[in-house]
Amino acid sequence: MPDATGRCFVGGNFTQPKRYMFVARADGTVGTLDSRGVAGRVYDLAWDATNHRLHVAGAGGYTFHENNVWTGQSGHYRSVGLLPGFPENVFLGSENGQVELVGGWKSATAGSARDLVVTSDSVYVAGAVSNSRGLISKINVETGKLDWQLMTVPALDLAISPDGATIYAAFGGPGGTVSAYDAVSGQRKWFHMTDGNCQAICTLADGTVVAGMHGDYVASLVNKTIRESGTGGRVPRKKVFALDPNGNLLDWHVNLTSTASPLGVWALASSPSMLYVGGDFTHVNGVEHPRLTCFAVT
């Protein structure tokens, strides 16, 4: 989770330099971060630049850090989001599928609420029900009432276009898929398939869609179906790839490899000047650079 000063807050379950969180800087240095109020693995972070609060969702509950004090509530949370313009309104997605406005409404979806995207009028939820079933839900931000819900394969991450008109979803298998949906109606606009779970997604300021996966190939064309195993209709992309807003594959190609795990990219985040990539990789373009890297956005 980047902030406006060039820092990127990183959460997970680490042995170095902190157990659950640390802060990375654009110059490549790493700093410590007070995580004494965090009781378990961190799944999601949200930064409130107005009030300088870091919000944390994880296996040990929800908590936020302000003026060197941690405050929060117990639970098992997979996602956290803030209402744009009114960041005191905090939304949480739990492991059991419940979505809630902290101190307000609670709404049940299904499965594990893997990610939230919060807009001025809606909360979009990515859900994973099982290894083969998932859903995307749109919830009214004021009432907690369900506007629509789409049954899908496991939905693992969400992003929204800069203009707010399109929701992008990263899906698990078989193989993997990135899909675009109309933010109002939920109608699918396009899809782009891969040979491994799509586990992370974000957008850049120019509308580019970046997706992370544990696959090594993507379909050569938008709306083209490919199988998880095979050789036809696909081009190489090592763990991360970029699409234009219409789903067409872009030339940008980074080679992420690993001597430890084949699972690839688990997290993506962007600022106006930087793309941050986190995952199980150990090398970037052949150079040792484990777990976290960043690229300048031009």
C-alpha atoms as a PDB file:
ATOM      1  CA  MET A   1       0.000   0.000   0.000  1.00  0.00           C
ATOM      2  CA  PRO A   2       1.862   3.157  -1.227  1.00  0.00           C
ATOM      3  CA  ASP A   3       1.529   6.645   0.210  1.00  0.00           C
ATOM      4  CA  ALA A   4       2.278  10.056  -1.285  1.00  0.00           C
ATOM      5  CA  THR A   5       5.822  10.251   0.123  1.00  0.00           C
ATOM      6  CA  GLY A   6       7.301   7.313  -1.778  1.00  0.00           C
ATOM      7  CA  ARG A   7       6.818   4.776   1.002  1.00  0.00           C
ATOM      8  CA  CYS A   8       5.057   1.452   0.496  1.00  0.00           C
ATOM      9  CA  PHE A   9       3.543  -0.336   3.481  1.00  0.00           C
ATOM     10  CA  VAL A  10       3.912  -4.103   3.156  1.00  0.00           C
ATOM     11  CA  GLY A  11       1.948  -6.698   5.124  1.00  0.00           C
ATOM     12  CA  GLY A  12       2.169 -10.480   5.321  1.00  0.00           C
ATOM     13  CA  ASN A  13       3.852 -13.048   7.537  1.00  0.00           C
ATOM     14  CA  PHE A  14       7.591 -12.408   7.418  1.00  0.00           C
ATOM     15  CA  THR A  15      10.662 -13.352   9.376  1.00  0.00           C
ATOM     16  CA  GLN A  16      12.634 -10.312   8.237  1.00  0.00           C
ATOM     17  CA  PRO A  17      12.639  -7.404   8.937  1.00  0.00           C
ATOM     18  CA  LYS A  18       9.379  -7.563  10.931  1.00  0.00           C
ATOM     19  CA  ARG A  19       7.019 -10.414  11.513  1.00  0.00           C
ATOM     20  CA  TYR A  20       3.868  -8.950   9.960  1.00  0.00           C
ATOM     21  CA  MET A  21       4.672  -5.566   8.403  1.00  0.00           C
ATOM     22  CA  PHE A  22       7.473  -3.361   7.154  1.00  0.00           C
ATOM     23  CA  VAL A  23       7.846  -0.229   5.057  1.00  0.00           C
ATOM     24  CA  ALA A  24       9.710  -0.157   1.741  1.00  0.00           C
ATOM     25  CA  ARG A  25      10.999   3.012   0.113  1.00  0.00           C
ATOM     26  CA  ALA A  26      11.305   3.841  -3.574  1.00  0.00           C
ATOM     27  CA  ASP A  27      15.103   3.971  -3.252  1.00  0.00           C
ATOM     28  CA  GLY A  28      15.151   0.279  -2.330  1.00  0.00           C
ATOM     29  CA  THR A  29      15.767   0.659   1.385  1.00  0.00           C
ATOM     30  CA  VAL A  30      13.579  -1.038   3.992  1.00  0.00           C
ATOM     31  CA  GLY A  31      12.435   0.395   7.311  1.00  0.00           C
ATOM     32  CA  THR A  32      10.800  -0.999  10.409  1.00  0.00           C
ATOM     33  CA  LEU A  33       7.155  -0.404  11.210  1.00  0.00           C
ATOM     34  CA  ASP A  34       5.566  -0.645  14.628  1.00  0.00           C
ATOM     35  CA  SER A  35       3.367  -3.735  14.436  1.00  0.00           C
ATOM     36  CA  ARG A  36       2.911  -4.482  18.113  1.00  0.00           C
ATOM     37  CA  GLY A  37      -0.861  -4.109  17.742  1.00  0.00           C
ATOM     38  CA  VAL A  38      -1.025  -6.657  14.893  1.00  0.00           C
ATOM     39  CA  ALA A  39      -1.776 -10.159  16.196  1.00  0.00           C
ATOM     40  CA  GLY A  40      -1.484 -12.331  13.084  1.00  0.00           C
ATOM     41  CA  ARG A  41      -0.845 -12.593   9.352  1.00  0.00           C
ATOM     42  CA  VAL A  42      -1.726  -9.396   7.487  1.00  0.00           C
ATOM     43  CA  TYR A  43      -3.912  -9.796   4.388  1.00  0.00           C
ATOM     44  CA  ASP A  44      -4.765  -6.214   3.450  1.00  0.00           C
ATOM     45  CA  LEU A  45      -3.823  -2.601   4.201  1.00  0.00           C
ATOM     46  CA  ALA A  46      -5.442   0.786   3.635  1.00  0.00           C
ATOM     47  CA  TRP A  47      -3.742   4.152   4.102  1.00  0.00           C
ATOM     48  CA  ASP A  48      -5.706   7.198   5.233  1.00  0.00           C
ATOM     49  CA  ALA A  49      -3.538  10.108   4.077  1.00  0.00           C
ATOM     50  CA  THR A  50      -5.891  12.704   5.600  1.00  0.00           C
ATOM     51  CA  ASN A  51      -5.611  11.422   9.165  1.00  0.00           C
ATOM     52  CA  HIS A  52      -2.299   9.565   8.753  1.00  0.00           C
ATOM     53  CA  ARG A  53      -3.800   6.234   9.779  1.00  0.00           C
ATOM     54  CA  LEU A  54      -2.707   2.810   8.604  1.00  0.00           C
ATOM     55  CA  HIS A  55      -5.593   0.326   8.621  1.00  0.00           C
ATOM     56  CA  VAL A  56      -4.747  -3.380   8.852  1.00  0.00           C
ATOM     57  CA  ALA A  57      -6.913  -6.451   8.152  1.00  0.00           C
ATOM     58  CA  GLY A  58      -5.624  -9.884   9.016  1.00  0.00           C
ATOM     59  CA  ALA A  59      -5.950 -13.211  10.756  1.00  0.00           C
ATOM     60  CA  GLY A  60      -5.641 -11.482  14.117  1.00  0.00           C
ATOM     61  CA  GLY A  61      -8.426  -8.948  13.496  1.00  0.00           C
ATOM     62  CA  TYR A  62      -8.775  -5.367  12.291  1.00  0.00           C
ATOM     63  CA  THR A  63      -6.698  -2.567  13.740  1.00  0.00           C
ATOM     64  CA  PHE A  64      -5.478   0.913  12.847  1.00  0.00           C
ATOM     65  CA  HIS A  65      -2.405   2.846  13.913  1.00  0.00           C
ATOM     66  CA  GLU A  66      -2.595   6.502  14.902  1.00  0.00           C
ATOM     67  CA  ASN A  67      -0.296   8.581  17.138  1.00  0.00           C
ATOM     68  CA  ASN A  68       1.669   5.451  18.121  1.00  0.00           C
ATOM     69  CA  VAL A  69      -1.487   3.737  19.390  1.00  0.00           C
ATOM     70  CA  TRP A  70      -3.182   0.647  17.910  1.00  0.00           C
ATOM     71  CA  THR A  71      -6.985   0.400  18.092  1.00  0.00           C
ATOM     72  CA  GLY A  72      -9.242  -2.239  16.601  1.00  0.00           C
ATOM     73  CA  GLN A  73     -11.443  -5.309  16.967  1.00  0.00           C
ATOM     74  CA  SER A  74     -10.996  -9.064  16.911  1.00  0.00           C
ATOM     75  CA  GLY A  75     -11.934 -11.268  13.962  1.00  0.00           C
ATOM     76  CA  HIS A  76     -10.469 -12.881  10.866  1.00  0.00           C
ATOM     77  CA  TYR A  77     -10.473 -10.270   8.104  1.00  0.00           C
ATOM     78  CA  ARG A  78      -9.247 -10.623   4.525  1.00  0.00           C
ATOM     79  CA  SER A  79      -9.822  -7.088   3.227  1.00  0.00           C
ATOM     80  CA  VAL A  80     -10.207  -3.446   4.249  1.00  0.00           C
ATOM     81  CA  GLY A  81     -11.301  -0.332   2.343  1.00  0.00           C
ATOM     82  CA  LEU A  82     -12.002   3.339   3.059  1.00  0.00           C
ATOM     83  CA  LEU A  83     -14.781   5.583   1.745  1.00  0.00           C
ATOM     84  CA  PRO A  84     -13.240   8.105  -0.699  1.00  0.00           C
ATOM     85  CA  GLY A  85     -13.304  11.591   0.773  1.00  0.00           C
ATOM     86  CA  PHE A  86     -14.536  10.278   4.123  1.00  0.00           C
ATOM     87  CA  PRO A  87     -11.820   7.838   5.246  1.00  0.00           C
ATOM     88  CA  GLU A  88     -13.215   7.604   8.785  1.00  0.00           C
ATOM     89  CA  ASN A  89     -15.760   5.207   7.223  1.00  0.00           C
ATOM     90  CA  VAL A  90     -13.980   1.835   7.208  1.00  0.00           C
ATOM     91  CA  PHE A  91     -15.251  -1.309   5.463  1.00  0.00           C
ATOM     92  CA  LEU A  92     -14.093  -4.840   6.266  1.00  0.00           C
ATOM     93  CA  GLY A  93     -14.427  -8.175   4.487  1.00  0.00           C
ATOM     94  CA  SER A  94     -14.144 -11.288   6.630  1.00  0.00           C
ATOM     95  CA  GLU A  95     -12.999 -14.842   6.061  1.00  0.00           C
ATOM     96  CA  ASN A  96     -16.611 -16.054   6.385  1.00  0.00           C
ATOM     97  CA  GLY A  97     -17.947 -13.653   3.735  1.00  0.00           C
ATOM     98  CA  GLN A  98     -19.396 -10.951   5.962  1.00  0.00           C
ATOM     99  CA  VAL A  99     -18.850  -7.363   4.816  1.00  0.00           C
ATOM    100  CA  GLU A 100     -19.317  -4.589   7.345  1.00  0.00           C
ATOM    101  CA  LEU A 101     -19.110  -0.871   7.841  1.00  0.00           C
ATOM    102  CA  VAL A 102     -17.219  -0.553  11.121  1.00  0.00           C
ATOM    103  CA  GLY A 103     -19.718   0.725  13.682  1.00  0.00           C
ATOM    104  CA  GLY A 104     -22.587   0.357  11.185  1.00  0.00           C
ATOM    105  CA  TRP A 105     -24.247  -2.192   8.921  1.00  0.00           C
ATOM    106  CA  LYS A 106     -23.264  -5.799   8.277  1.00  0.00           C
ATOM    107  CA  SER A 107     -23.994  -7.652   5.043  1.00  0.00           C
ATOM    108  CA  ALA A 108     -23.502 -11.364   4.328  1.00  0.00           C
ATOM    109  CA  THR A 109     -22.188 -12.459   0.920  1.00  0.00           C
ATOM    110  CA  ALA A 110     -20.579 -15.914   0.707  1.00  0.00           C
ATOM    111  CA  GLY A 111     -17.168 -17.507   1.000  1.00  0.00           C
ATOM    112  CA  SER A 112     -14.075 -15.488   1.856  1.00  0.00           C
ATOM    113  CA  ALA A 113     -14.208 -11.745   1.069  1.00  0.00           C
ATOM    114  CA  ARG A 114     -10.775 -11.579  -0.570  1.00  0.00           C
ATOM    115  CA  ASP A 115     -10.873  -7.933  -1.612  1.00  0.00           C
ATOM    116  CA  LEU A 116     -12.969  -4.754  -1.450  1.00  0.00           C
ATOM    117  CA  VAL A 117     -13.172  -1.758  -3.735  1.00  0.00           C
ATOM    118  CA  VAL A 118     -15.036   1.157  -2.150  1.00  0.00           C
ATOM    119  CA  THR A 119     -16.512   4.016  -4.179  1.00  0.00           C
ATOM    120  CA  SER A 120     -18.734   6.918  -3.153  1.00  0.00           C
ATOM    121  CA  ASP A 121     -21.875   4.794  -3.544  1.00  0.00           C
ATOM    122  CA  SER A 122     -20.856   1.117  -3.603  1.00  0.00           C
ATOM    123  CA  VAL A 123     -18.693  -1.578  -2.077  1.00  0.00           C
ATOM    124  CA  TYR A 124     -17.524  -4.200  -4.575  1.00  0.00           C
ATOM    125  CA  VAL A 125     -16.511  -7.540  -3.077  1.00  0.00           C
ATOM    126  CA  ALA A 126     -14.402 -10.369  -4.519  1.00  0.00           C
ATOM    127  CA  GLY A 127     -15.355 -13.707  -2.990  1.00  0.00           C
ATOM    128  CA  ALA A 128     -13.893 -17.216  -3.029  1.00  0.00           C
ATOM    129  CA  VAL A 129     -16.395 -19.888  -1.976  1.00  0.00           C
ATOM    130  CA  SER A 130     -14.365 -22.991  -2.889  1.00  0.00           C
ATOM    131  CA  ASN A 131     -11.603 -24.050  -5.266  1.00  0.00           C
ATOM    132  CA  SER A 132     -14.088 -23.865  -8.138  1.00  0.00           C
ATOM    133  CA  ARG A 133     -16.716 -21.292  -7.082  1.00  0.00           C
ATOM    134  CA  GLY A 134     -16.656 -17.598  -6.306  1.00  0.00           C
ATOM    135  CA  LEU A 135     -18.622 -14.401  -6.699  1.00  0.00           C
ATOM    136  CA  ILE A 136     -18.483 -10.664  -7.188  1.00  0.00           C
ATOM    137  CA  SER A 137     -20.961  -8.566  -5.207  1.00  0.00           C
ATOM    138  CA  LYS A 138     -21.997  -4.930  -5.351  1.00  0.00           C
ATOM    139  CA  ILE A 139     -23.322  -3.539  -2.040  1.00  0.00           C
ATOM    140  CA  ASN A 140     -24.889  -0.150  -1.374  1.00  0.00           C
ATOM    141  CA  VAL A 141     -22.380   1.844   0.640  1.00  0.00           C
ATOM    142  CA  GLU A 142     -25.020   3.567   2.815  1.00  0.00           C
ATOM    143  CA  THR A 143     -27.418   0.701   3.581  1.00  0.00           C
ATOM    144  CA  GLY A 144     -25.406  -2.502   3.143  1.00  0.00           C
ATOM    145  CA  LYS A 145     -28.092  -3.854   0.791  1.00  0.00           C
ATOM    146  CA  LEU A 146     -27.002  -6.098  -2.071  1.00  0.00           C
ATOM    147  CA  ASP A 147     -27.381  -4.422  -5.493  1.00  0.00           C
ATOM    148  CA  TRP A 148     -26.220  -7.372  -7.602  1.00  0.00           C
ATOM    149  CA  GLN A 149     -24.140 -10.507  -7.380  1.00  0.00           C
ATOM    150  CA  LEU A 150     -22.350 -12.543 -10.057  1.00  0.00           C
ATOM    151  CA  MET A 151     -21.537 -16.228  -9.617  1.00  0.00           C
ATOM    152  CA  THR A 152     -18.025 -16.897 -10.907  1.00  0.00           C
ATOM    153  CA  VAL A 153     -14.931 -19.002 -10.363  1.00  0.00           C
ATOM    154  CA  PRO A 154     -12.921 -17.905  -7.276  1.00  0.00           C
ATOM    155  CA  ALA A 155     -12.524 -14.100  -7.336  1.00  0.00           C
ATOM    156  CA  LEU A 156      -9.205 -13.237  -5.671  1.00  0.00           C
ATOM    157  CA  ASP A 157      -8.665  -9.509  -6.221  1.00  0.00           C
ATOM    158  CA  LEU A 158     -10.375  -6.389  -7.591  1.00  0.00           C
ATOM    159  CA  ALA A 159      -9.428  -3.043  -9.089  1.00  0.00           C
ATOM    160  CA  ILE A 160     -11.339  -0.118 -10.555  1.00  0.00           C
ATOM    161  CA  SER A 161     -10.673   2.028 -13.601  1.00  0.00           C
ATOM    162  CA  PRO A 162      -9.517   5.616 -12.989  1.00  0.00           C
ATOM    163  CA  ASP A 163     -12.896   6.922 -14.197  1.00  0.00           C
ATOM    164  CA  GLY A 164     -14.824   4.514 -11.929  1.00  0.00           C
ATOM    165  CA  ALA A 165     -16.778   3.003 -14.834  1.00  0.00           C
ATOM    166  CA  THR A 166     -15.194  -0.461 -14.871  1.00  0.00           C
ATOM    167  CA  ILE A 167     -14.442  -3.087 -12.235  1.00  0.00           C
ATOM    168  CA  TYR A 168     -11.594  -5.493 -12.978  1.00  0.00           C
ATOM    169  CA  ALA A 169     -11.397  -8.904 -11.327  1.00  0.00           C
ATOM    170  CA  ALA A 170      -8.586 -11.453 -11.012  1.00  0.00           C
ATOM    171  CA  PHE A 171      -9.862 -15.031 -10.990  1.00  0.00           C
ATOM    172  CA  GLY A 172      -8.491 -18.418 -10.065  1.00  0.00           C
ATOM    173  CA  GLY A 173      -8.626 -21.563 -12.145  1.00  0.00           C
ATOM    174  CA  PRO A 174      -8.744 -23.729 -13.944  1.00  0.00           C
ATOM    175  CA  GLY A 175      -6.076 -21.592 -15.484  1.00  0.00           C
ATOM    176  CA  GLY A 176      -6.786 -17.971 -14.631  1.00  0.00           C
ATOM    177  CA  THR A 177      -8.706 -15.004 -15.997  1.00  0.00           C
ATOM    178  CA  VAL A 178      -8.858 -11.229 -15.809  1.00  0.00           C
ATOM    179  CA  SER A 179     -12.347  -9.887 -16.519  1.00  0.00           C
ATOM    180  CA  ALA A 180     -13.806  -6.390 -16.864  1.00  0.00           C
ATOM    181  CA  TYR A 181     -17.338  -5.513 -15.700  1.00  0.00           C
ATOM    182  CA  ASP A 182     -19.545  -2.473 -16.020  1.00  0.00           C
ATOM    183  CA  ALA A 183     -19.497  -0.936 -12.538  1.00  0.00           C
ATOM    184  CA  VAL A 184     -23.201  -0.041 -12.649  1.00  0.00           C
ATOM    185  CA  SER A 185     -24.836  -3.094 -14.227  1.00  0.00           C
ATOM    186  CA  GLY A 186     -22.261  -5.824 -13.626  1.00  0.00           C
ATOM    187  CA  GLN A 187     -22.322  -6.817 -17.302  1.00  0.00           C
ATOM    188  CA  ARG A 188     -19.041  -8.346 -18.435  1.00  0.00           C
ATOM    189  CA  LYS A 189     -17.168  -6.285 -21.037  1.00  0.00           C
ATOM    190  CA  TRP A 190     -14.273  -8.615 -21.854  1.00  0.00           C
ATOM    191  CA  PHE A 191     -11.995 -11.335 -20.468  1.00  0.00           C
ATOM    192  CA  HIS A 192      -8.347 -12.325 -20.880  1.00  0.00           C
ATOM    193  CA  MET A 193      -7.233 -15.847 -19.982  1.00  0.00           C
ATOM    194  CA  THR A 194      -3.942 -17.214 -18.604  1.00  0.00           C
ATOM    195  CA  ASP A 195      -2.485 -20.621 -17.760  1.00  0.00           C
ATOM    196  CA  GLY A 196      -2.442 -20.065 -13.974  1.00  0.00           C
ATOM    197  CA  ASN A 197      -4.467 -18.384 -11.236  1.00  0.00           C
ATOM    198  CA  CYS A 198      -4.667 -14.593 -11.496  1.00  0.00           C
ATOM    199  CA  GLN A 199      -4.102 -13.540  -7.890  1.00  0.00           C
ATOM    200  CA  ALA A 200      -3.586  -9.768  -7.984  1.00  0.00           C
ATOM    201  CA  ILE A 201      -4.714  -6.815 -10.064  1.00  0.00           C
ATOM    202  CA  CYS A 202      -4.357  -3.029 -10.100  1.00  0.00           C
ATOM    203  CA  THR A 203      -4.765  -0.097 -12.471  1.00  0.00           C
ATOM    204  CA  LEU A 204      -2.397   2.704 -13.404  1.00  0.00           C
ATOM    205  CA  ALA A 205      -3.360   6.341 -13.835  1.00  0.00           C
ATOM    206  CA  ASP A 206      -3.500   6.010 -17.626  1.00  0.00           C
ATOM    207  CA  GLY A 207      -5.997   3.133 -17.391  1.00  0.00           C
ATOM    208  CA  THR A 208      -3.514   0.292 -17.906  1.00  0.00           C
ATOM    209  CA  VAL A 209      -4.537  -2.907 -16.110  1.00  0.00           C
ATOM    210  CA  VAL A 210      -1.717  -4.910 -14.474  1.00  0.00           C
ATOM    211  CA  ALA A 211      -2.328  -8.473 -13.280  1.00  0.00           C
ATOM    212  CA  GLY A 212      -0.203 -10.937 -11.319  1.00  0.00           C
ATOM    213  CA  MET A 213      -0.477 -14.703 -11.581  1.00  0.00           C
ATOM    214  CA  HIS A 214       1.313 -17.975 -10.964  1.00  0.00           C
ATOM    215  CA  GLY A 215       1.208 -18.785 -14.665  1.00  0.00           C
ATOM    216  CA  ASP A 216       3.775 -18.252 -17.396  1.00  0.00           C
ATOM    217  CA  TYR A 217       1.548 -17.716 -20.449  1.00  0.00           C
ATOM    218  CA  VAL A 218      -1.420 -15.557 -21.407  1.00  0.00           C
ATOM    219  CA  ALA A 219      -3.836 -15.672 -24.308  1.00  0.00           C
ATOM    220  CA  SER A 220      -2.582 -13.865 -27.394  1.00  0.00           C
ATOM    221  CA  LEU A 221      -5.946 -12.128 -27.870  1.00  0.00           C
ATOM    222  CA  VAL A 222      -8.704 -10.698 -25.703  1.00  0.00           C
ATOM    223  CA  ASN A 223     -11.824 -12.895 -25.320  1.00  0.00           C
ATOM    224  CA  LYS A 224      -9.834 -15.945 -26.464  1.00  0.00           C
ATOM    225  CA  THR A 225     -10.204 -19.179 -24.483  1.00  0.00           C
ATOM    226  CA  ILE A 226      -7.056 -21.184 -23.734  1.00  0.00           C
ATOM    227  CA  ARG A 227      -6.539 -24.297 -21.653  1.00  0.00           C
ATOM    228  CA  GLU A 228      -4.395 -24.423 -18.540  1.00  0.00           C
ATOM    229  CA  SER A 229      -2.015 -26.792 -20.306  1.00  0.00           C
ATOM    230  CA  GLY A 230      -1.185 -26.615 -23.996  1.00  0.00           C
ATOM    231  CA  THR A 231       0.806 -24.629 -26.509  1.00  0.00           C
ATOM    232  CA  GLY A 232      -1.617 -22.924 -28.875  1.00  0.00           C
ATOM    233  CA  GLY A 233      -2.954 -19.372 -28.788  1.00  0.00           C
ATOM    234  CA  ARG A 234      -0.677 -18.111 -26.034  1.00  0.00           C
ATOM    235  CA  VAL A 235       2.391 -15.944 -25.506  1.00  0.00           C
ATOM    236  CA  PRO A 236       4.901 -15.950 -22.625  1.00  0.00           C
ATOM    237  CA  ARG A 237       4.499 -13.649 -19.647  1.00  0.00           C
ATOM    238  CA  LYS A 238       6.363 -14.564 -16.460  1.00  0.00           C
ATOM    239  CA  LYS A 239       4.017 -14.041 -13.489  1.00  0.00           C
ATOM    240  CA  VAL A 240       2.863 -10.511 -14.395  1.00  0.00           C
ATOM    241  CA  PHE A 241       1.359  -8.858 -17.475  1.00  0.00           C
ATOM    242  CA  ALA A 242      -0.346  -5.654 -18.618  1.00  0.00           C
ATOM    243  CA  LEU A 243      -3.524  -4.986 -20.612  1.00  0.00           C
ATOM    244  CA  ASP A 244      -4.999  -1.851 -22.097  1.00  0.00           C
ATOM    245  CA  PRO A 245      -8.493  -0.771 -20.874  1.00  0.00           C
ATOM    246  CA  ASN A 246     -10.068  -2.873 -23.649  1.00  0.00           C
ATOM    247  CA  GLY A 247      -8.299  -6.058 -22.577  1.00  0.00           C
ATOM    248  CA  ASN A 248      -5.624  -6.135 -25.273  1.00  0.00           C
ATOM    249  CA  LEU A 249      -2.242  -7.509 -24.221  1.00  0.00           C
ATOM    250  CA  LEU A 250       0.532  -4.905 -24.030  1.00  0.00           C
ATOM    251  CA  ASP A 251       4.191  -5.449 -24.932  1.00  0.00           C
ATOM    252  CA  TRP A 252       5.464  -4.781 -21.372  1.00  0.00           C
ATOM    253  CA  HIS A 253       7.181  -7.947 -20.215  1.00  0.00           C
ATOM    254  CA  VAL A 254       9.082  -8.554 -16.959  1.00  0.00           C
ATOM    255  CA  ASN A 255      10.727 -11.890 -16.211  1.00  0.00           C
ATOM    256  CA  LEU A 256       9.910 -12.910 -12.617  1.00  0.00           C
ATOM    257  CA  THR A 257      11.349 -16.283 -11.613  1.00  0.00           C
ATOM    258  CA  SER A 258      11.879 -18.178  -8.386  1.00  0.00           C
ATOM    259  CA  THR A 259      14.209 -20.784  -6.935  1.00  0.00           C
ATOM    260  CA  ALA A 260      11.810 -21.293  -4.020  1.00  0.00           C
ATOM    261  CA  SER A 261       8.188 -21.359  -5.207  1.00  0.00           C
ATOM    262  CA  PRO A 262       6.188 -21.376  -8.471  1.00  0.00           C
ATOM    263  CA  LEU A 263       3.263 -19.348  -7.098  1.00  0.00           C
ATOM    264  CA  GLY A 264       4.308 -15.998  -8.553  1.00  0.00           C
ATOM    265  CA  VAL A 265       2.761 -12.609  -7.805  1.00  0.00           C
ATOM    266  CA  TRP A 266       0.387 -12.200  -4.850  1.00  0.00           C
ATOM    267  CA  ALA A 267       0.103  -8.419  -4.532  1.00  0.00           C
ATOM    268  CA  LEU A 268       0.114  -5.344  -6.754  1.00  0.00           C
ATOM    269  CA  ALA A 269      -0.225  -1.658  -5.909  1.00  0.00           C
ATOM    270  CA  SER A 270       0.400   1.565  -7.784  1.00  0.00           C
ATOM    271  CA  SER A 271       1.062   5.232  -7.181  1.00  0.00           C
ATOM    272  CA  PRO A 272       1.213   7.959  -9.857  1.00  0.00           C
ATOM    273  CA  SER A 273       4.920   7.231 -10.360  1.00  0.00           C
ATOM    274  CA  MET A 274       5.459   3.611  -9.319  1.00  0.00           C
ATOM    275  CA  LEU A 275       4.162   0.047  -9.715  1.00  0.00           C
ATOM    276  CA  TYR A 276       4.831  -2.238  -6.732  1.00  0.00           C
ATOM    277  CA  VAL A 277       4.927  -6.024  -7.160  1.00  0.00           C
ATOM    278  CA  GLY A 278       5.076  -8.560  -4.321  1.00  0.00           C
ATOM    279  CA  GLY A 279       5.120 -12.344  -4.364  1.00  0.00           C
ATOM    280  CA  ASP A 280       7.082 -15.582  -4.239  1.00  0.00           C
ATOM    281  CA  PHE A 281       9.643 -14.644  -6.894  1.00  0.00           C
ATOM    282  CA  THR A 282      13.363 -14.501  -6.086  1.00  0.00           C
ATOM    283  CA  HIS A 283      14.742 -12.955  -9.304  1.00  0.00           C
ATOM    284  CA  VAL A 284      13.716 -10.047 -11.551  1.00  0.00           C
ATOM    285  CA  ASN A 285      15.034 -10.214 -15.119  1.00  0.00           C
ATOM    286  CA  GLY A 286      17.716 -12.640 -13.955  1.00  0.00           C
ATOM    287  CA  VAL A 287      18.927 -10.493 -11.039  1.00  0.00           C
ATOM    288  CA  GLU A 288      18.358 -11.633  -7.459  1.00  0.00           C
ATOM    289  CA  HIS A 289      15.586  -9.473  -6.009  1.00  0.00           C
ATOM    290  CA  PRO A 290      13.360 -11.509  -3.695  1.00  0.00           C
ATOM    291  CA  ARG A 291       9.705 -10.968  -2.799  1.00  0.00           C
ATOM    292  CA  LEU A 292       9.224  -7.259  -3.553  1.00  0.00           C
ATOM    293  CA  THR A 293      10.146  -5.025  -6.468  1.00  0.00           C
ATOM    294  CA  CYS A 294       8.955  -1.800  -8.070  1.00  0.00           C
ATOM    295  CA  PHE A 295       8.940  -0.257 -11.528  1.00  0.00           C
ATOM    296  CA  ALA A 296       8.743   3.366 -12.582  1.00  0.00           C
ATOM    297  CA  VAL A 297       5.478   4.315 -14.284  1.00  0.00           C
ATOM    298  CA  THR A 298       5.963   6.488 -17.353  1.00  0.00           C
END
